[in-house]
C-alpha atoms as a PDB file:
ATOM      1  CA  MET A   1       2.429 -30.262 -14.423  1.00  0.00           C
ATOM      2  CA  TRP A   2      -1.043 -29.272 -14.520  1.00  0.00           C
ATOM      3  CA  ASN A   3      -1.018 -27.979 -10.674  1.00  0.00           C
ATOM      4  CA  ASN A   4       1.529 -25.213 -12.078  1.00  0.00           C
ATOM      5  CA  TYR A   5      -0.906 -23.822 -15.107  1.00  0.00           C
ATOM      6  CA  THR A   6      -3.231 -21.268 -13.182  1.00  0.00           C
ATOM      7  CA  ALA A   7       0.174 -20.599 -10.476  1.00  0.00           C
ATOM      8  CA  ILE A   8       2.432 -19.702 -13.303  1.00  0.00           C
ATOM      9  CA  LEU A   9      -0.096 -17.401 -15.278  1.00  0.00           C
ATOM     10  CA  ASP A  10      -1.059 -15.398 -11.550  1.00  0.00           C
ATOM     11  CA  GLY A  11       2.612 -15.054 -11.303  1.00  0.00           C
ATOM     12  CA  ARG A  12       2.945 -17.492  -7.883  1.00  0.00           C
ATOM     13  CA  ASP A  13       6.030 -19.776  -7.441  1.00  0.00           C
ATOM     14  CA  LYS A  14       6.114 -22.956  -9.469  1.00  0.00           C
ATOM     15  CA  THR A  15       6.028 -25.056  -5.430  1.00  0.00           C
ATOM     16  CA  ASN A  16       4.154 -24.877  -2.632  1.00  0.00           C
ATOM     17  CA  ASN A  17       6.994 -25.872  -0.028  1.00  0.00           C
ATOM     18  CA  LYS A  18       8.468 -22.828   0.591  1.00  0.00           C
ATOM     19  CA  ALA A  19      10.910 -25.344   3.064  1.00  0.00           C
ATOM     20  CA  GLU A  20      12.731 -27.064   0.385  1.00  0.00           C
ATOM     21  CA  GLY A  21      14.660 -24.123  -0.187  1.00  0.00           C
ATOM     22  CA  PHE A  22      15.728 -24.775   4.079  1.00  0.00           C
ATOM     23  CA  ASN A  23      15.714 -28.164   3.231  1.00  0.00           C
ATOM     24  CA  HIS A  24      18.830 -27.953   0.373  1.00  0.00           C
ATOM     25  CA  ALA A  25      20.618 -25.412   2.421  1.00  0.00           C
ATOM     26  CA  PHE A  26      20.280 -27.660   5.952  1.00  0.00           C
ATOM     27  CA  ASN A  27      21.374 -30.485   4.246  1.00  0.00           C
ATOM     28  CA  ILE A  28      24.123 -29.303   2.061  1.00  0.00           C
ATOM     29  CA  THR A  29      25.954 -27.897   6.130  1.00  0.00           C
ATOM     30  CA  VAL A  30      24.788 -30.729   7.895  1.00  0.00           C
ATOM     31  CA  PRO A  31      27.469 -33.366   6.688  1.00  0.00           C
ATOM     32  CA  LYS A  32      25.612 -37.200   5.598  1.00  0.00           C
ATOM     33  CA  ASN A  33      25.665 -39.345   9.161  1.00  0.00           C
ATOM     34  CA  ALA A  34      26.182 -36.179  11.565  1.00  0.00           C
ATOM     35  CA  SER A  35      25.343 -37.271  15.029  1.00  0.00           C
ATOM     36  CA  GLU A  36      22.401 -35.597  16.881  1.00  0.00           C
ATOM     37  CA  TRP A  37      24.402 -33.329  17.881  1.00  0.00           C
ATOM     38  CA  VAL A  38      25.939 -32.128  15.412  1.00  0.00           C
ATOM     39  CA  ILE A  39      22.183 -31.039  13.921  1.00  0.00           C
ATOM     40  CA  ILE A  40      21.056 -29.617  16.855  1.00  0.00           C
ATOM     41  CA  ASN A  41      23.455 -27.705  16.424  1.00  0.00           C
ATOM     42  CA  GLN A  42      23.347 -26.762  13.157  1.00  0.00           C
ATOM     43  CA  PHE A  43      20.225 -25.987  14.474  1.00  0.00           C
ATOM     44  CA  LYS A  44      20.748 -23.242  16.757  1.00  0.00           C
ATOM     45  CA  LYS A  45      23.400 -21.223  14.258  1.00  0.00           C
ATOM     46  CA  GLU A  46      19.994 -20.954  11.734  1.00  0.00           C
ATOM     47  CA  GLU A  47      17.705 -20.001  14.984  1.00  0.00           C
ATOM     48  CA  ALA A  48      20.635 -17.444  15.646  1.00  0.00           C
ATOM     49  CA  MET A  49      20.496 -16.048  12.074  1.00  0.00           C
ATOM     50  CA  ALA A  50      17.226 -15.977  12.025  1.00  0.00           C
ATOM     51  CA  ARG A  51      16.690 -14.411  15.397  1.00  0.00           C
ATOM     52  CA  VAL A  52      19.510 -11.366  14.024  1.00  0.00           C
ATOM     53  CA  ALA A  53      17.569 -11.403  10.743  1.00  0.00           C
ATOM     54  CA  LEU A  54      14.155 -10.565  12.079  1.00  0.00           C
ATOM     55  CA  THR A  55      16.404  -7.880  14.539  1.00  0.00           C
ATOM     56  CA  GLN A  56      17.756  -5.838  11.254  1.00  0.00           C
ATOM     57  CA  ALA A  57      14.410  -6.084   9.596  1.00  0.00           C
ATOM     58  CA  ALA A  58      11.566  -4.686  12.880  1.00  0.00           C
ATOM     59  CA  ALA A  59      15.090  -1.579  13.012  1.00  0.00           C
ATOM     60  CA  GLY A  60      14.298  -1.228   9.563  1.00  0.00           C
ATOM     61  CA  ILE A  61      17.581  -2.447   8.696  1.00  0.00           C
ATOM     62  CA  GLN A  62      17.741  -3.555   4.861  1.00  0.00           C
ATOM     63  CA  LEU A  63      20.156  -6.831   4.490  1.00  0.00           C
ATOM     64  CA  PRO A  64      21.382  -6.883   1.103  1.00  0.00           C
ATOM     65  CA  ASP A  65      20.245  -9.629  -1.487  1.00  0.00           C
ATOM     66  CA  HIS A  66      23.293 -11.881  -2.547  1.00  0.00           C
ATOM     67  CA  ASN A  67      20.870 -13.909  -4.429  1.00  0.00           C
ATOM     68  CA  THR A  68      20.308 -10.769  -7.122  1.00  0.00           C
ATOM     69  CA  ASN A  69      21.505 -12.476 -10.375  1.00  0.00           C
ATOM     70  CA  LYS A  70      19.843 -15.420  -8.928  1.00  0.00           C
ATOM     71  CA  THR A  71      16.491 -14.106  -8.768  1.00  0.00           C
ATOM     72  CA  LEU A  72      17.119 -12.197 -12.119  1.00  0.00           C
ATOM     73  CA  GLY A  73      17.361 -15.371 -13.539  1.00  0.00           C
ATOM     74  CA  PHE A  74      14.374 -17.295 -11.760  1.00  0.00           C
ATOM     75  CA  ALA A  75      12.455 -13.927 -12.985  1.00  0.00           C
ATOM     76  CA  PHE A  76      13.413 -14.130 -16.396  1.00  0.00           C
ATOM     77  CA  ARG A  77      12.480 -17.604 -16.609  1.00  0.00           C
ATOM     78  CA  ARG A  78       8.968 -17.364 -15.072  1.00  0.00           C
ATOM     79  CA  GLU A  79       7.782 -14.532 -17.382  1.00  0.00           C
ATOM     80  CA  GLU A  80       9.346 -16.977 -20.199  1.00  0.00           C
ATOM     81  CA  MET A  81       7.322 -19.321 -18.443  1.00  0.00           C
ATOM     82  CA  ALA A  82       4.718 -17.481 -18.498  1.00  0.00           C
ATOM     83  CA  HIS A  83       4.437 -16.812 -22.137  1.00  0.00           C
ATOM     84  CA  THR A  84       4.526 -19.549 -23.386  1.00  0.00           C
ATOM     85  CA  VAL A  85       1.646 -21.053 -21.589  1.00  0.00           C
ATOM     86  CA  ARG A  86      -0.317 -17.865 -21.754  1.00  0.00           C
ATOM     87  CA  ASN A  87       0.572 -18.316 -25.813  1.00  0.00           C
ATOM     88  CA  TYR A  88      -0.180 -22.190 -25.872  1.00  0.00           C
ATOM     89  CA  ARG A  89      -2.892 -22.788 -28.616  1.00  0.00           C
ATOM     90  CA  ASN A  90      -0.228 -20.406 -30.801  1.00  0.00           C
ATOM     91  CA  MET A  91       2.425 -23.057 -31.441  1.00  0.00           C
ATOM     92  CA  PRO A  92       2.804 -26.672 -32.237  1.00  0.00           C
ATOM     93  CA  LEU A  93       2.443 -29.006 -29.071  1.00  0.00           C
ATOM     94  CA  LYS A  94       6.429 -30.433 -29.254  1.00  0.00           C
ATOM     95  CA  LEU A  95       7.485 -26.628 -28.810  1.00  0.00           C
ATOM     96  CA  TYR A  96       5.356 -26.292 -26.687  1.00  0.00           C
ATOM     97  CA  LEU A  97       6.468 -29.066 -24.098  1.00  0.00           C
ATOM     98  CA  ASP A  98      10.256 -28.659 -25.204  1.00  0.00           C
ATOM     99  CA  SER A  99       9.158 -24.402 -24.388  1.00  0.00           C
ATOM    100  CA  ILE A 100       7.730 -25.545 -20.939  1.00  0.00           C
ATOM    101  CA  ALA A 101       9.806 -28.642 -19.995  1.00  0.00           C
ATOM    102  CA  THR A 102      13.470 -26.217 -20.573  1.00  0.00           C
ATOM    103  CA  ASN A 103      12.160 -23.606 -18.450  1.00  0.00           C
ATOM    104  CA  PHE A 104      10.586 -25.662 -15.757  1.00  0.00           C
ATOM    105  CA  LEU A 105      13.716 -26.893 -14.567  1.00  0.00           C
END
């Protein structure tokens, strides 16, 4: 938690590993104990989708954001966390820790 203090105050992401989202999504789409060929085919699908997205972005096509509600939820939690961190000296320690734990997940 200590290494996120300045990141929270600066409005940056709490995690420094941008691959976590990809790994999570990839693990959901690939069954456990999948063969090498299933994994290779999934990588090919991911690459094809990435190429389409890059081509559309280069052409100026704006894709709809399917995670709008999720993104808004994260933005709200990020602001709540930043508010808590900025005001930690004005609240009891237990309330501060409870607030951090609630917003950190």
